[in-house]
PDB file of all heavy atoms in Angstrom:
ATOM      1  N   THR A   1       0.830  -1.200   0.000  1.00  0.00           N
ATOM      2  CA  THR A   1       0.000   0.000   0.000  1.00  0.00           C
ATOM      3  C   THR A   1       0.866   1.253   0.000  1.00  0.00           C
ATOM      4  O   THR A   1       0.605   2.212  -0.739  1.00  0.00           O
ATOM      5  CB  THR A   1      -0.925   0.006   1.237  1.00  0.00           C
ATOM      6  OG1 THR A   1      -1.776  -1.125   1.183  1.00  0.00           O
ATOM      7  CG2 THR A   1      -1.757   1.282   1.287  1.00  0.00           C
ATOM      8  N   SER A   2       1.919   1.244   0.823  1.00  0.00           N
ATOM      9  CA  SER A   2       2.831   2.382   0.891  1.00  0.00           C
ATOM     10  C   SER A   2       3.514   2.615  -0.450  1.00  0.00           C
ATOM     11  O   SER A   2       3.654   3.744  -0.924  1.00  0.00           O
ATOM     12  CB  SER A   2       3.881   2.148   1.986  1.00  0.00           C
ATOM     13  OG  SER A   2       4.799   3.201   2.039  1.00  0.00           O
ATOM     14  N   ARG A   3       3.942   1.526  -1.085  1.00  0.00           N
ATOM     15  CA  ARG A   3       4.612   1.646  -2.392  1.00  0.00           C
ATOM     16  C   ARG A   3       3.669   2.222  -3.439  1.00  0.00           C
ATOM     17  O   ARG A   3       4.061   3.098  -4.226  1.00  0.00           O
ATOM     18  CB  ARG A   3       5.116   0.269  -2.835  1.00  0.00           C
ATOM     19  CG  ARG A   3       5.871   0.281  -4.164  1.00  0.00           C
ATOM     20  CD  ARG A   3       6.216  -1.131  -4.613  1.00  0.00           C
ATOM     21  NE  ARG A   3       5.022  -1.897  -4.944  1.00  0.00           N
ATOM     22  CZ  ARG A   3       4.373  -1.784  -6.112  1.00  0.00           C
ATOM     23  NH1 ARG A   3       4.778  -0.937  -7.037  1.00  0.00           N
ATOM     24  NH2 ARG A   3       3.305  -2.533  -6.350  1.00  0.00           N
ATOM     25  N   LEU A   4       2.442   1.743  -3.466  1.00  0.00           N
ATOM     26  CA  LEU A   4       1.476   2.231  -4.447  1.00  0.00           C
ATOM     27  C   LEU A   4       1.168   3.713  -4.241  1.00  0.00           C
ATOM     28  O   LEU A   4       1.014   4.466  -5.211  1.00  0.00           O
ATOM     29  CB  LEU A   4       0.191   1.408  -4.374  1.00  0.00           C
ATOM     30  CG  LEU A   4       0.291  -0.033  -4.879  1.00  0.00           C
ATOM     31  CD1 LEU A   4      -1.008  -0.785  -4.618  1.00  0.00           C
ATOM     32  CD2 LEU A   4       0.623  -0.063  -6.376  1.00  0.00           C
ATOM     33  N   ARG A   5       1.079   4.133  -2.979  1.00  0.00           N
ATOM     34  CA  ARG A   5       0.836   5.548  -2.698  1.00  0.00           C
ATOM     35  C   ARG A   5       1.967   6.408  -3.240  1.00  0.00           C
ATOM     36  O   ARG A   5       1.743   7.457  -3.837  1.00  0.00           O
ATOM     37  CB  ARG A   5       0.694   5.770  -1.191  1.00  0.00           C
ATOM     38  CG  ARG A   5      -0.643   5.321  -0.610  1.00  0.00           C
ATOM     39  CD  ARG A   5      -0.659   5.532   0.887  1.00  0.00           C
ATOM     40  NE  ARG A   5      -1.904   5.074   1.485  1.00  0.00           N
ATOM     41  CZ  ARG A   5      -2.099   4.985   2.799  1.00  0.00           C
ATOM     42  NH1 ARG A   5      -1.119   5.318   3.644  1.00  0.00           N
ATOM     43  NH2 ARG A   5      -3.258   4.569   3.274  1.00  0.00           N
ATOM     44  N   ARG A   6       3.225   5.953  -3.003  1.00  0.00           N
ATOM     45  CA  ARG A   6       4.373   6.716  -3.500  1.00  0.00           C
ATOM     46  C   ARG A   6       4.378   6.766  -5.015  1.00  0.00           C
ATOM     47  O   ARG A   6       4.643   7.812  -5.613  1.00  0.00           O
ATOM     48  CB  ARG A   6       5.677   6.091  -2.981  1.00  0.00           C
ATOM     49  CG  ARG A   6       5.913   6.277  -1.490  1.00  0.00           C
ATOM     50  CD  ARG A   6       7.359   5.966  -1.133  1.00  0.00           C
ATOM     51  NE  ARG A   6       7.744   4.621  -1.535  1.00  0.00           N
ATOM     52  CZ  ARG A   6       7.590   3.549  -0.772  1.00  0.00           C
ATOM     53  NH1 ARG A   6       7.049   3.673   0.436  1.00  0.00           N
ATOM     54  NH2 ARG A   6       7.980   2.355  -1.186  1.00  0.00           N
ATOM     55  N   GLU A   7       4.091   5.631  -5.658  1.00  0.00           N
ATOM     56  CA  GLU A   7       4.091   5.598  -7.115  1.00  0.00           C
ATOM     57  C   GLU A   7       2.989   6.489  -7.694  1.00  0.00           C
ATOM     58  O   GLU A   7       3.208   7.201  -8.677  1.00  0.00           O
ATOM     59  CB  GLU A   7       3.917   4.159  -7.613  1.00  0.00           C
ATOM     60  CG  GLU A   7       5.139   3.297  -7.401  1.00  0.00           C
ATOM     61  CD  GLU A   7       4.956   1.899  -7.969  1.00  0.00           C
ATOM     62  OE1 GLU A   7       3.848   1.613  -8.488  1.00  0.00           O
ATOM     63  OE2 GLU A   7       5.906   1.099  -7.888  1.00  0.00           O
ATOM     64  N   ASN A   8       1.791   6.447  -7.097  1.00  0.00           N
ATOM     65  CA  ASN A   8       0.700   7.299  -7.566  1.00  0.00           C
ATOM     66  C   ASN A   8       1.040   8.771  -7.415  1.00  0.00           C
ATOM     67  O   ASN A   8       0.746   9.593  -8.289  1.00  0.00           O
ATOM     68  CB  ASN A   8      -0.591   6.993  -6.795  1.00  0.00           C
ATOM     69  CG  ASN A   8      -1.204   5.664  -7.191  1.00  0.00           C
ATOM     70  OD1 ASN A   8      -0.947   5.169  -8.281  1.00  0.00           O
ATOM     71  ND2 ASN A   8      -2.016   5.091  -6.315  1.00  0.00           N
ATOM     72  N   SER A   9       1.677   9.094  -6.283  1.00  0.00           N
ATOM     73  CA  SER A   9       2.072  10.481  -6.052  1.00  0.00           C
ATOM     74  C   SER A   9       3.097  10.927  -7.086  1.00  0.00           C
ATOM     75  O   SER A   9       3.022  12.033  -7.628  1.00  0.00           O
ATOM     76  CB  SER A   9       2.639  10.627  -4.636  1.00  0.00           C
ATOM     77  OG  SER A   9       2.981  11.949  -4.363  1.00  0.00           O
ATOM     78  N   GLU A  10       4.079  10.043  -7.388  1.00  0.00           N
ATOM     79  CA  GLU A  10       5.095  10.372  -8.383  1.00  0.00           C
ATOM     80  C   GLU A  10       4.477  10.521  -9.770  1.00  0.00           C
ATOM     81  O   GLU A  10       4.844  11.417 -10.541  1.00  0.00           O
ATOM     82  CB  GLU A  10       6.171   9.287  -8.405  1.00  0.00           C
ATOM     83  CG  GLU A  10       7.043   9.284  -7.152  1.00  0.00           C
ATOM     84  CD  GLU A  10       7.961   8.079  -7.097  1.00  0.00           C
ATOM     85  OE1 GLU A  10       7.948   7.286  -8.066  1.00  0.00           O
ATOM     86  OE2 GLU A  10       8.684   7.922  -6.089  1.00  0.00           O
ATOM     87  N   LEU A  11       3.525   9.638 -10.101  1.00  0.00           N
ATOM     88  CA  LEU A  11       2.868   9.734 -11.405  1.00  0.00           C
ATOM     89  C   LEU A  11       2.078  11.025 -11.548  1.00  0.00           C
ATOM     90  O   LEU A  11       2.069  11.644 -12.609  1.00  0.00           O
ATOM     91  CB  LEU A  11       1.946   8.522 -11.616  1.00  0.00           C
ATOM     92  CG  LEU A  11       2.644   7.193 -11.896  1.00  0.00           C
ATOM     93  CD1 LEU A  11       1.629   6.049 -11.891  1.00  0.00           C
ATOM     94  CD2 LEU A  11       3.377   7.236 -13.233  1.00  0.00           C
ATOM     95  N   ARG A  12       1.403  11.438 -10.470  1.00  0.00           N
ATOM     96  CA  ARG A  12       0.655  12.692 -10.511  1.00  0.00           C
ATOM     97  C   ARG A  12       1.590  13.867 -10.730  1.00  0.00           C
ATOM     98  O   ARG A  12       1.290  14.792 -11.491  1.00  0.00           O
ATOM     99  CB  ARG A  12      -0.143  12.882  -9.221  1.00  0.00           C
ATOM    100  CG  ARG A  12      -1.401  12.026  -9.142  1.00  0.00           C
ATOM    101  CD  ARG A  12      -2.330  12.536  -8.051  1.00  0.00           C
ATOM    102  NE  ARG A  12      -1.707  12.490  -6.747  1.00  0.00           N
ATOM    103  CZ  ARG A  12      -1.781  11.454  -5.933  1.00  0.00           C
ATOM    104  NH1 ARG A  12      -2.453  10.374  -6.294  1.00  0.00           N
ATOM    105  NH2 ARG A  12      -1.186  11.489  -4.750  1.00  0.00           N
ATOM    106  N   ARG A  13       2.746  13.838 -10.051  1.00  0.00           N
ATOM    107  CA  ARG A  13       3.695  14.932 -10.225  1.00  0.00           C
ATOM    108  C   ARG A  13       4.253  14.952 -11.639  1.00  0.00           C
ATOM    109  O   ARG A  13       4.400  16.000 -12.255  1.00  0.00           O
ATOM    110  CB  ARG A  13       4.833  14.800  -9.208  1.00  0.00           C
ATOM    111  CG  ARG A  13       4.431  15.205  -7.804  1.00  0.00           C
ATOM    112  CD  ARG A  13       5.663  15.423  -6.949  1.00  0.00           C
ATOM    113  NE  ARG A  13       6.372  14.191  -6.700  1.00  0.00           N
ATOM    114  CZ  ARG A  13       6.121  13.379  -5.686  1.00  0.00           C
ATOM    115  NH1 ARG A  13       5.147  13.661  -4.854  1.00  0.00           N
ATOM    116  NH2 ARG A  13       6.819  12.282  -5.510  1.00  0.00           N
ATOM    117  N   LYS A  14       4.570  13.763 -12.188  1.00  0.00           N
ATOM    118  CA  LYS A  14       5.072  13.710 -13.560  1.00  0.00           C
ATOM    119  C   LYS A  14       4.033  14.200 -14.546  1.00  0.00           C
ATOM    120  O   LYS A  14       4.328  14.874 -15.520  1.00  0.00           O
ATOM    121  CB  LYS A  14       5.486  12.274 -13.912  1.00  0.00           C
ATOM    122  CG  LYS A  14       6.741  11.804 -13.212  1.00  0.00           C
ATOM    123  CD  LYS A  14       7.066  10.372 -13.575  1.00  0.00           C
ATOM    124  CE  LYS A  14       8.319   9.891 -12.849  1.00  0.00           C
ATOM    125  NZ  LYS A  14       8.630   8.480 -13.166  1.00  0.00           N
ATOM    126  N   ASP A  15       2.769  13.878 -14.276  1.00  0.00           N
ATOM    127  CA  ASP A  15       1.693  14.265 -15.188  1.00  0.00           C
ATOM    128  C   ASP A  15       1.554  15.772 -15.272  1.00  0.00           C
ATOM    129  O   ASP A  15       1.401  16.333 -16.345  1.00  0.00           O
ATOM    130  CB  ASP A  15       0.376  13.651 -14.709  1.00  0.00           C
ATOM    131  CG  ASP A  15      -0.790  14.017 -15.605  1.00  0.00           C
ATOM    132  OD1 ASP A  15      -0.717  13.721 -16.798  1.00  0.00           O
ATOM    133  OD2 ASP A  15      -1.772  14.585 -15.103  1.00  0.00           O
ATOM    134  N   VAL A  16       1.632  16.459 -14.130  1.00  0.00           N
ATOM    135  CA  VAL A  16       1.442  17.903 -14.166  1.00  0.00           C
ATOM    136  C   VAL A  16       2.697  18.623 -14.622  1.00  0.00           C
ATOM    137  O   VAL A  16       2.609  19.710 -15.189  1.00  0.00           O
ATOM    138  CB  VAL A  16       0.994  18.441 -12.785  1.00  0.00           C
ATOM    139  CG1 VAL A  16      -0.341  17.862 -12.394  1.00  0.00           C
ATOM    140  CG2 VAL A  16       2.026  18.176 -11.706  1.00  0.00           C
ATOM    141  N   THR A  17       3.883  18.049 -14.387  1.00  0.00           N
ATOM    142  CA  THR A  17       5.090  18.758 -14.765  1.00  0.00           C
ATOM    143  C   THR A  17       5.427  18.588 -16.233  1.00  0.00           C
ATOM    144  O   THR A  17       6.357  19.212 -16.722  1.00  0.00           O
ATOM    145  CB  THR A  17       6.288  18.279 -13.920  1.00  0.00           C
ATOM    146  OG1 THR A  17       6.409  16.847 -14.027  1.00  0.00           O
ATOM    147  CG2 THR A  17       6.099  18.645 -12.464  1.00  0.00           C
ATOM    148  N   THR A  18       4.697  17.763 -16.984  1.00  0.00           N
ATOM    149  CA  THR A  18       4.945  17.662 -18.416  1.00  0.00           C
ATOM    150  C   THR A  18       4.487  18.931 -19.139  1.00  0.00           C
ATOM    151  O   THR A  18       4.885  19.177 -20.254  1.00  0.00           O
ATOM    152  CB  THR A  18       4.213  16.450 -19.020  1.00  0.00           C
ATOM    153  OG1 THR A  18       2.821  16.517 -18.669  1.00  0.00           O
ATOM    154  CG2 THR A  18       4.788  15.153 -18.491  1.00  0.00           C
ATOM    155  N   THR A  19       3.606  19.726 -18.512  1.00  0.00           N
ATOM    156  CA  THR A  19       3.189  20.991 -19.099  1.00  0.00           C
ATOM    157  C   THR A  19       4.266  22.024 -18.807  1.00  0.00           C
ATOM    158  O   THR A  19       4.265  22.646 -17.751  1.00  0.00           O
ATOM    159  CB  THR A  19       1.836  21.445 -18.512  1.00  0.00           C
ATOM    160  OG1 THR A  19       0.887  20.395 -18.699  1.00  0.00           O
ATOM    161  CG2 THR A  19       1.335  22.677 -19.197  1.00  0.00           C
ATOM    162  N   ASP A  20       5.187  22.186 -19.753  1.00  0.00           N
ATOM    163  CA  ASP A  20       6.316  23.080 -19.557  1.00  0.00           C
ATOM    164  C   ASP A  20       5.928  24.492 -19.966  1.00  0.00           C
ATOM    165  O   ASP A  20       4.972  24.717 -20.692  1.00  0.00           O
ATOM    166  CB  ASP A  20       7.512  22.597 -20.383  1.00  0.00           C
ATOM    167  CG  ASP A  20       8.813  23.161 -19.857  1.00  0.00           C
ATOM    168  OD1 ASP A  20       8.768  23.886 -18.847  1.00  0.00           O
ATOM    169  OD2 ASP A  20       9.865  22.871 -20.458  1.00  0.00           O
ATOM    170  N   MET A  21       6.701  25.443 -19.490  1.00  0.00           N
ATOM    171  CA  MET A  21       6.494  26.821 -19.906  1.00  0.00           C
ATOM    172  C   MET A  21       7.044  26.990 -21.319  1.00  0.00           C
ATOM    173  O   MET A  21       8.143  26.543 -21.630  1.00  0.00           O
ATOM    174  CB  MET A  21       7.189  27.776 -18.933  1.00  0.00           C
ATOM    175  CG  MET A  21       6.593  27.741 -17.537  1.00  0.00           C
ATOM    176  SD  MET A  21       7.356  28.953 -16.450  1.00  0.00           S
ATOM    177  CE  MET A  21       6.797  30.477 -17.215  1.00  0.00           C
ATOM    178  N   VAL A  22       6.260  27.640 -22.168  1.00  0.00           N
ATOM    179  CA  VAL A  22       6.611  27.761 -23.589  1.00  0.00           C
ATOM    180  C   VAL A  22       6.664  29.230 -23.973  1.00  0.00           C
ATOM    181  O   VAL A  22       5.752  29.994 -23.656  1.00  0.00           O
ATOM    182  CB  VAL A  22       5.575  27.026 -24.471  1.00  0.00           C
ATOM    183  CG1 VAL A  22       5.858  27.264 -25.951  1.00  0.00           C
ATOM    184  CG2 VAL A  22       5.571  25.532 -24.157  1.00  0.00           C
ATOM    185  N   GLY A  23       7.718  29.613 -24.676  1.00  0.00           N
ATOM    186  CA  GLY A  23       7.823  30.979 -25.170  1.00  0.00           C
ATOM    187  C   GLY A  23       9.258  31.390 -25.397  1.00  0.00           C
ATOM    188  O   GLY A  23      10.192  30.724 -24.925  1.00  0.00           O
ATOM    189  N   SER A  24       9.451  32.476 -26.118  1.00  0.00           N
ATOM    190  CA  SER A  24      10.793  33.004 -26.360  1.00  0.00           C
ATOM    191  C   SER A  24      10.801  34.526 -26.449  1.00  0.00           C
ATOM    192  O   SER A  24      11.835  35.126 -26.698  1.00  0.00           O
ATOM    193  CB  SER A  24      11.366  32.411 -27.663  1.00  0.00           C
ATOM    194  OG  SER A  24      10.472  32.633 -28.745  1.00  0.00           O
ATOM    195  N   SER A  25       9.648  35.166 -26.266  1.00  0.00           N
ATOM    196  CA  SER A  25       9.572  36.622 -26.332  1.00  0.00           C
ATOM    197  C   SER A  25      10.312  37.241 -25.154  1.00  0.00           C
ATOM    198  O   SER A  25      10.626  36.570 -24.166  1.00  0.00           O
ATOM    199  CB  SER A  25       8.111  37.077 -26.307  1.00  0.00           C
ATOM    200  OG  SER A  25       7.510  36.774 -25.055  1.00  0.00           O
ATOM    201  N   GLN A  26      10.562  38.539 -25.239  1.00  0.00           N
ATOM    202  CA  GLN A  26      11.250  39.225 -24.162  1.00  0.00           C
ATOM    203  C   GLN A  26      10.416  39.197 -22.883  1.00  0.00           C
ATOM    204  O   GLN A  26      10.942  39.010 -21.786  1.00  0.00           O
ATOM    205  CB  GLN A  26      11.538  40.675 -24.552  1.00  0.00           C
ATOM    206  CG  GLN A  26      12.299  41.464 -23.495  1.00  0.00           C
ATOM    207  CD  GLN A  26      13.628  40.822 -23.126  1.00  0.00           C
ATOM    208  OE1 GLN A  26      14.425  40.478 -23.996  1.00  0.00           O
ATOM    209  NE2 GLN A  26      13.871  40.631 -21.832  1.00  0.00           N
ATOM    210  N   ALA A  27       9.102  39.382 -23.018  1.00  0.00           N
ATOM    211  CA  ALA A  27       8.229  39.336 -21.839  1.00  0.00           C
ATOM    212  C   ALA A  27       8.293  37.967 -21.167  1.00  0.00           C
ATOM    213  O   ALA A  27       8.330  37.868 -19.933  1.00  0.00           O
ATOM    214  CB  ALA A  27       6.792  39.665 -22.238  1.00  0.00           C
ATOM    215  N   PHE A  28       8.331  36.904 -21.979  1.00  0.00           N
ATOM    216  CA  PHE A  28       8.409  35.550 -21.424  1.00  0.00           C
ATOM    217  C   PHE A  28       9.754  35.324 -20.750  1.00  0.00           C
ATOM    218  O   PHE A  28       9.825  34.760 -19.654  1.00  0.00           O
ATOM    219  CB  PHE A  28       8.195  34.519 -22.526  1.00  0.00           C
ATOM    220  CG  PHE A  28       8.393  33.095 -22.079  1.00  0.00           C
ATOM    221  CD1 PHE A  28       7.378  32.416 -21.430  1.00  0.00           C
ATOM    222  CD2 PHE A  28       9.608  32.451 -22.272  1.00  0.00           C
ATOM    223  CE1 PHE A  28       7.554  31.108 -20.996  1.00  0.00           C
ATOM    224  CE2 PHE A  28       9.800  31.152 -21.843  1.00  0.00           C
ATOM    225  CZ  PHE A  28       8.770  30.482 -21.207  1.00  0.00           C
TER     226      PHE A  28
END
């Protein structure tokens, strides 16, 4: 149970961090 909780937490973090910041303008 502990292992599954850690893996689910890691998967959730990986899922949200795949949305990277995109841009190259001076404001960005």
